[in-house]
């Protein structure tokens, strides 16, 4: 199968993953984890028997990367929201530099939104 076909299929799956991230339950998170695992496994299968990339593959890969960035931003936003709720619940406050008391992960620290 060509990489472009894989990427189109993955993008469709990412849409359902993004929708699931809007729900706040364990089943939604498990679904997202399972789907991402399936995508990674299929990419590994493609990697074992790669074909030469053509222009359609490059365009599809670029589009897939953009969709992944959108999912990453959604996950970062959720992480920041949870950190904010946590901070409010325990009234931890801020450091003298104006940063939250809780240590943030690298990805959640980079989201400005």
N, C-alpha and C. Protein backbone atom coordinates (compact mmCIF):
# COMPACT_ATOMS: atom_id res chain seq x y z
N UNK A 1 0.85 -1.18 0.00
CA UNK A 1 0.00 0.00 0.00
C UNK A 1 0.89 1.25 0.00
N UNK A 2 0.51 2.26 -0.75
CA UNK A 2 1.28 3.50 -0.82
C UNK A 2 1.12 4.30 0.47
N UNK A 3 2.15 5.06 0.77
CA UNK A 3 2.13 5.88 1.98
C UNK A 3 0.97 6.87 1.96
N UNK A 4 0.63 7.40 0.80
CA UNK A 4 -0.48 8.36 0.70
C UNK A 4 -1.78 7.73 1.19
N UNK A 5 -2.02 6.46 0.86
CA UNK A 5 -3.23 5.77 1.30
C UNK A 5 -3.23 5.60 2.82
N UNK A 6 -2.07 5.21 3.36
CA UNK A 6 -1.95 5.10 4.81
C UNK A 6 -2.27 6.43 5.48
N UNK A 7 -1.67 7.49 4.99
CA UNK A 7 -1.85 8.81 5.60
C UNK A 7 -3.30 9.27 5.55
N UNK A 8 -3.97 9.01 4.45
CA UNK A 8 -5.40 9.38 4.35
C UNK A 8 -6.22 8.60 5.37
N UNK A 9 -5.92 7.32 5.52
CA UNK A 9 -6.63 6.50 6.51
C UNK A 9 -6.33 7.01 7.93
N UNK A 10 -5.07 7.35 8.18
CA UNK A 10 -4.68 7.83 9.51
C UNK A 10 -5.36 9.15 9.84
N UNK A 11 -5.45 10.03 8.86
CA UNK A 11 -6.12 11.31 9.10
C UNK A 11 -7.58 11.13 9.48
N UNK A 12 -8.24 10.18 8.84
CA UNK A 12 -9.63 9.89 9.19
C UNK A 12 -9.71 9.39 10.63
N UNK A 13 -8.77 8.56 11.03
CA UNK A 13 -8.74 8.06 12.40
C UNK A 13 -8.45 9.20 13.39
N UNK A 14 -7.59 10.12 13.00
CA UNK A 14 -7.26 11.23 13.90
C UNK A 14 -8.48 12.09 14.18
N UNK A 15 -9.38 12.19 13.21
CA UNK A 15 -10.62 12.94 13.44
C UNK A 15 -11.44 12.33 14.56
N UNK A 16 -11.54 11.00 14.58
CA UNK A 16 -12.28 10.35 15.66
C UNK A 16 -11.53 10.43 16.98
N UNK A 17 -10.21 10.44 16.93
CA UNK A 17 -9.42 10.59 18.15
C UNK A 17 -9.64 11.98 18.73
N UNK A 18 -9.61 13.00 17.88
CA UNK A 18 -9.82 14.36 18.36
C UNK A 18 -11.20 14.52 19.00
N UNK A 19 -12.21 13.93 18.38
CA UNK A 19 -13.55 13.98 18.95
C UNK A 19 -13.59 13.29 20.31
N UNK A 20 -12.90 12.17 20.42
CA UNK A 20 -12.86 11.45 21.70
C UNK A 20 -12.16 12.24 22.79
N UNK A 21 -11.18 13.04 22.41
CA UNK A 21 -10.46 13.83 23.41
C UNK A 21 -11.35 14.89 24.06
N UNK A 22 -12.47 15.20 23.43
CA UNK A 22 -13.39 16.17 24.01
C UNK A 22 -14.23 15.57 25.13
N UNK A 23 -14.27 14.25 25.19
CA UNK A 23 -15.00 13.58 26.27
C UNK A 23 -14.04 13.37 27.44
N UNK A 24 -14.55 13.44 28.63
CA UNK A 24 -13.70 13.30 29.81
C UNK A 24 -14.02 12.00 30.52
N UNK A 25 -13.66 10.89 29.89
CA UNK A 25 -13.85 9.61 30.56
C UNK A 25 -12.73 8.65 30.17
N UNK A 26 -12.57 7.60 30.98
CA UNK A 26 -11.49 6.65 30.77
C UNK A 26 -11.62 5.89 29.45
N UNK A 27 -12.85 5.59 29.04
CA UNK A 27 -13.05 4.86 27.80
C UNK A 27 -12.56 5.68 26.59
N UNK A 28 -12.79 6.98 26.64
CA UNK A 28 -12.34 7.84 25.53
C UNK A 28 -10.82 7.85 25.45
N UNK A 29 -10.18 7.94 26.60
CA UNK A 29 -8.71 7.93 26.61
C UNK A 29 -8.16 6.58 26.14
N UNK A 30 -8.81 5.50 26.55
CA UNK A 30 -8.38 4.17 26.11
C UNK A 30 -8.55 4.03 24.60
N UNK A 31 -9.66 4.53 24.07
CA UNK A 31 -9.89 4.50 22.63
C UNK A 31 -8.77 5.25 21.90
N UNK A 32 -8.44 6.43 22.39
CA UNK A 32 -7.38 7.23 21.76
C UNK A 32 -6.05 6.48 21.78
N UNK A 33 -5.72 5.91 22.92
CA UNK A 33 -4.47 5.17 23.05
C UNK A 33 -4.44 3.97 22.10
N UNK A 34 -5.54 3.24 22.01
CA UNK A 34 -5.61 2.08 21.11
C UNK A 34 -5.47 2.50 19.65
N UNK A 35 -6.18 3.55 19.26
CA UNK A 35 -6.11 4.02 17.87
C UNK A 35 -4.71 4.49 17.50
N UNK A 36 -4.08 5.22 18.39
CA UNK A 36 -2.72 5.69 18.11
C UNK A 36 -1.77 4.51 18.01
N UNK A 37 -1.96 3.50 18.85
CA UNK A 37 -1.15 2.29 18.76
C UNK A 37 -1.31 1.60 17.42
N UNK A 38 -2.54 1.52 16.94
CA UNK A 38 -2.80 0.90 15.63
C UNK A 38 -2.12 1.68 14.51
N UNK A 39 -2.20 3.00 14.60
CA UNK A 39 -1.56 3.84 13.58
C UNK A 39 -0.05 3.61 13.59
N UNK A 40 0.55 3.59 14.77
CA UNK A 40 1.99 3.36 14.86
C UNK A 40 2.38 2.00 14.31
N UNK A 41 1.60 0.96 14.61
CA UNK A 41 1.89 -0.37 14.08
C UNK A 41 1.82 -0.40 12.57
N UNK A 42 0.84 0.27 11.98
CA UNK A 42 0.73 0.30 10.52
C UNK A 42 1.89 1.08 9.90
N UNK A 43 2.32 2.14 10.57
CA UNK A 43 3.47 2.88 10.05
C UNK A 43 4.73 2.02 10.11
N UNK A 44 4.87 1.23 11.16
CA UNK A 44 6.02 0.33 11.25
C UNK A 44 5.97 -0.72 10.13
N UNK A 45 4.79 -1.23 9.82
CA UNK A 45 4.65 -2.18 8.72
C UNK A 45 5.06 -1.54 7.40
N UNK A 46 4.63 -0.31 7.18
CA UNK A 46 5.00 0.39 5.94
C UNK A 46 6.50 0.60 5.89
N UNK A 47 7.10 0.91 7.04
CA UNK A 47 8.54 1.19 7.09
C UNK A 47 9.36 -0.04 6.70
N UNK A 48 8.87 -1.23 7.03
CA UNK A 48 9.59 -2.46 6.72
C UNK A 48 9.68 -2.67 5.21
N UNK A 49 8.62 -2.36 4.49
CA UNK A 49 8.60 -2.54 3.04
C UNK A 49 8.29 -1.21 2.35
N UNK A 50 9.17 -0.22 2.51
CA UNK A 50 8.85 1.10 1.92
C UNK A 50 8.98 1.10 0.40
N UNK A 51 8.15 1.89 -0.18
CA UNK A 51 8.24 2.15 -1.61
C UNK A 51 8.84 3.55 -1.76
N UNK A 52 9.29 3.86 -2.94
CA UNK A 52 9.81 5.19 -3.19
C UNK A 52 8.67 6.21 -3.04
N UNK A 53 8.97 7.34 -2.40
CA UNK A 53 7.95 8.37 -2.20
C UNK A 53 7.78 9.21 -3.46
N UNK A 54 6.55 9.46 -3.82
CA UNK A 54 6.28 10.38 -4.92
C UNK A 54 5.61 11.63 -4.35
N UNK A 55 5.21 12.52 -5.22
CA UNK A 55 4.65 13.80 -4.77
C UNK A 55 3.36 13.63 -3.98
N UNK A 56 2.52 12.69 -4.37
CA UNK A 56 1.27 12.48 -3.63
C UNK A 56 1.57 11.97 -2.21
N UNK A 57 2.60 11.14 -2.07
CA UNK A 57 3.00 10.67 -0.74
C UNK A 57 3.48 11.83 0.12
N UNK A 58 4.26 12.71 -0.46
CA UNK A 58 4.78 13.86 0.29
C UNK A 58 3.65 14.80 0.74
N UNK A 59 2.70 15.04 -0.15
CA UNK A 59 1.56 15.89 0.21
C UNK A 59 0.72 15.25 1.32
N UNK A 60 0.47 13.96 1.20
CA UNK A 60 -0.31 13.24 2.20
C UNK A 60 0.41 13.23 3.55
N UNK A 61 1.72 13.05 3.52
CA UNK A 61 2.51 13.05 4.74
C UNK A 61 2.49 14.43 5.40
N UNK A 62 2.57 15.47 4.61
CA UNK A 62 2.49 16.83 5.13
C UNK A 62 1.14 17.10 5.78
N UNK A 63 0.09 16.67 5.13
CA UNK A 63 -1.26 16.84 5.67
C UNK A 63 -1.42 16.04 6.97
N UNK A 64 -0.87 14.84 7.01
CA UNK A 64 -0.93 14.00 8.22
C UNK A 64 -0.18 14.67 9.37
N UNK A 65 0.98 15.25 9.08
CA UNK A 65 1.74 15.97 10.12
C UNK A 65 0.93 17.13 10.69
N UNK A 66 0.23 17.85 9.85
CA UNK A 66 -0.60 18.96 10.32
C UNK A 66 -1.72 18.46 11.22
N UNK A 67 -2.33 17.33 10.84
CA UNK A 67 -3.39 16.74 11.66
C UNK A 67 -2.84 16.29 13.00
N UNK A 68 -1.63 15.73 13.00
CA UNK A 68 -0.98 15.33 14.25
C UNK A 68 -0.70 16.53 15.14
N UNK A 69 -0.26 17.63 14.54
CA UNK A 69 0.01 18.84 15.31
C UNK A 69 -1.27 19.37 15.96
N UNK A 70 -2.38 19.24 15.27
CA UNK A 70 -3.67 19.66 15.82
C UNK A 70 -4.05 18.81 17.03
N UNK A 71 -3.82 17.50 16.92
CA UNK A 71 -4.10 16.59 18.04
C UNK A 71 -3.17 16.93 19.21
N UNK A 72 -1.90 17.20 18.92
CA UNK A 72 -0.95 17.56 19.98
C UNK A 72 -1.39 18.83 20.69
N UNK A 73 -1.86 19.81 19.94
CA UNK A 73 -2.34 21.05 20.56
C UNK A 73 -3.55 20.79 21.44
N UNK A 74 -4.45 19.91 21.00
CA UNK A 74 -5.63 19.56 21.79
C UNK A 74 -5.20 18.86 23.09
N UNK A 75 -4.25 17.95 23.00
CA UNK A 75 -3.76 17.25 24.19
C UNK A 75 -3.06 18.22 25.14
N UNK A 76 -2.27 19.13 24.60
CA UNK A 76 -1.60 20.14 25.43
C UNK A 76 -2.61 21.04 26.13
N UNK A 77 -3.65 21.42 25.40
CA UNK A 77 -4.69 22.26 25.98
C UNK A 77 -5.38 21.54 27.14
N UNK A 78 -5.69 20.27 26.96
CA UNK A 78 -6.31 19.48 28.02
C UNK A 78 -5.39 19.33 29.22
N UNK A 79 -4.12 19.11 28.96
CA UNK A 79 -3.15 18.99 30.04
C UNK A 79 -3.05 20.28 30.83
N UNK A 80 -2.99 21.40 30.13
CA UNK A 80 -2.93 22.70 30.80
C UNK A 80 -4.19 22.97 31.61
N UNK A 81 -5.32 22.57 31.06
CA UNK A 81 -6.59 22.74 31.78
C UNK A 81 -6.58 21.94 33.08
N UNK A 82 -6.13 20.70 33.00
CA UNK A 82 -6.07 19.86 34.20
C UNK A 82 -5.09 20.44 35.23
N UNK A 83 -3.94 20.92 34.76
CA UNK A 83 -2.99 21.54 35.69
C UNK A 83 -3.60 22.77 36.35
N UNK A 84 -4.36 23.54 35.58
CA UNK A 84 -5.01 24.73 36.14
C UNK A 84 -6.05 24.37 37.19
N UNK A 85 -6.85 23.34 36.89
CA UNK A 85 -7.84 22.89 37.87
C UNK A 85 -7.16 22.40 39.14
N UNK A 86 -6.09 21.65 38.96
CA UNK A 86 -5.35 21.13 40.11
C UNK A 86 -4.83 22.27 40.97
N UNK A 87 -4.28 23.26 40.32
CA UNK A 87 -3.73 24.40 41.04
C UNK A 87 -4.83 25.16 41.78
N UNK A 88 -5.99 25.34 41.14
CA UNK A 88 -7.11 26.01 41.79
C UNK A 88 -7.63 25.22 42.99
N UNK A 89 -7.70 23.91 42.84
CA UNK A 89 -8.25 23.07 43.92
C UNK A 89 -7.40 23.09 45.18
N UNK A 90 -6.10 23.17 45.02
CA UNK A 90 -5.23 23.15 46.21
C UNK A 90 -4.71 24.55 46.55
N UNK A 91 -5.18 25.54 45.80
CA UNK A 91 -4.77 26.94 45.98
C UNK A 91 -3.26 27.06 46.18
N UNK A 92 -2.53 26.47 45.23
CA UNK A 92 -1.06 26.45 45.32
C UNK A 92 -0.45 27.80 45.02
N UNK A 93 -1.07 28.60 44.18
CA UNK A 93 -0.51 29.90 43.87
C UNK A 93 0.57 29.85 42.81
N UNK A 94 1.35 30.93 42.77
CA UNK A 94 2.36 31.09 41.74
C UNK A 94 3.71 31.40 42.37
N UNK A 95 4.77 31.18 41.62
CA UNK A 95 6.11 31.51 42.09
C UNK A 95 6.32 33.01 41.97
N UNK A 96 7.44 33.48 42.46
CA UNK A 96 7.74 34.90 42.36
C UNK A 96 7.94 35.35 40.91
N UNK A 97 8.19 34.40 40.01
CA UNK A 97 8.33 34.72 38.58
C UNK A 97 6.99 34.67 37.85
N UNK A 98 5.90 34.43 38.59
CA UNK A 98 4.59 34.39 37.97
C UNK A 98 4.23 33.06 37.33
N UNK A 99 5.03 32.03 37.57
CA UNK A 99 4.77 30.70 37.01
C UNK A 99 3.95 29.89 38.02
N UNK A 100 3.13 28.94 37.55
CA UNK A 100 2.38 28.08 38.47
C UNK A 100 3.33 27.28 39.36
N UNK A 101 2.90 26.97 40.58
CA UNK A 101 3.71 26.21 41.51
C UNK A 101 4.00 24.80 41.00
N UNK A 102 3.03 24.22 40.29
CA UNK A 102 3.22 22.86 39.82
C UNK A 102 4.17 22.83 38.63
N UNK A 103 5.00 21.81 38.60
CA UNK A 103 5.93 21.63 37.49
C UNK A 103 5.13 21.15 36.29
N UNK A 104 5.34 21.81 35.15
CA UNK A 104 4.65 21.43 33.92
C UNK A 104 5.58 20.59 33.07
N UNK A 105 4.99 19.73 32.24
CA UNK A 105 5.78 18.96 31.29
C UNK A 105 6.22 19.88 30.16
N UNK A 106 7.17 19.41 29.41
CA UNK A 106 7.67 20.23 28.30
C UNK A 106 6.58 20.58 27.31
N UNK A 107 5.73 19.61 26.95
CA UNK A 107 4.71 19.91 25.94
C UNK A 107 3.64 20.85 26.47
N UNK A 108 3.26 20.70 27.75
CA UNK A 108 2.23 21.60 28.26
C UNK A 108 2.79 22.98 28.53
N UNK A 109 4.09 23.09 28.75
CA UNK A 109 4.70 24.38 29.00
C UNK A 109 4.77 25.21 27.72
N UNK A 110 4.73 24.55 26.56
CA UNK A 110 4.90 25.28 25.31
C UNK A 110 3.59 25.79 24.74
N UNK A 111 2.46 25.38 25.29
CA UNK A 111 1.17 25.79 24.73
C UNK A 111 0.79 27.16 25.25
N UNK A 112 0.55 28.07 24.39
CA UNK A 112 0.12 29.42 24.75
C UNK A 112 -1.22 29.67 24.09
N UNK A 113 -2.30 29.34 24.72
CA UNK A 113 -3.50 29.49 23.99
C UNK A 113 -4.68 29.78 24.80
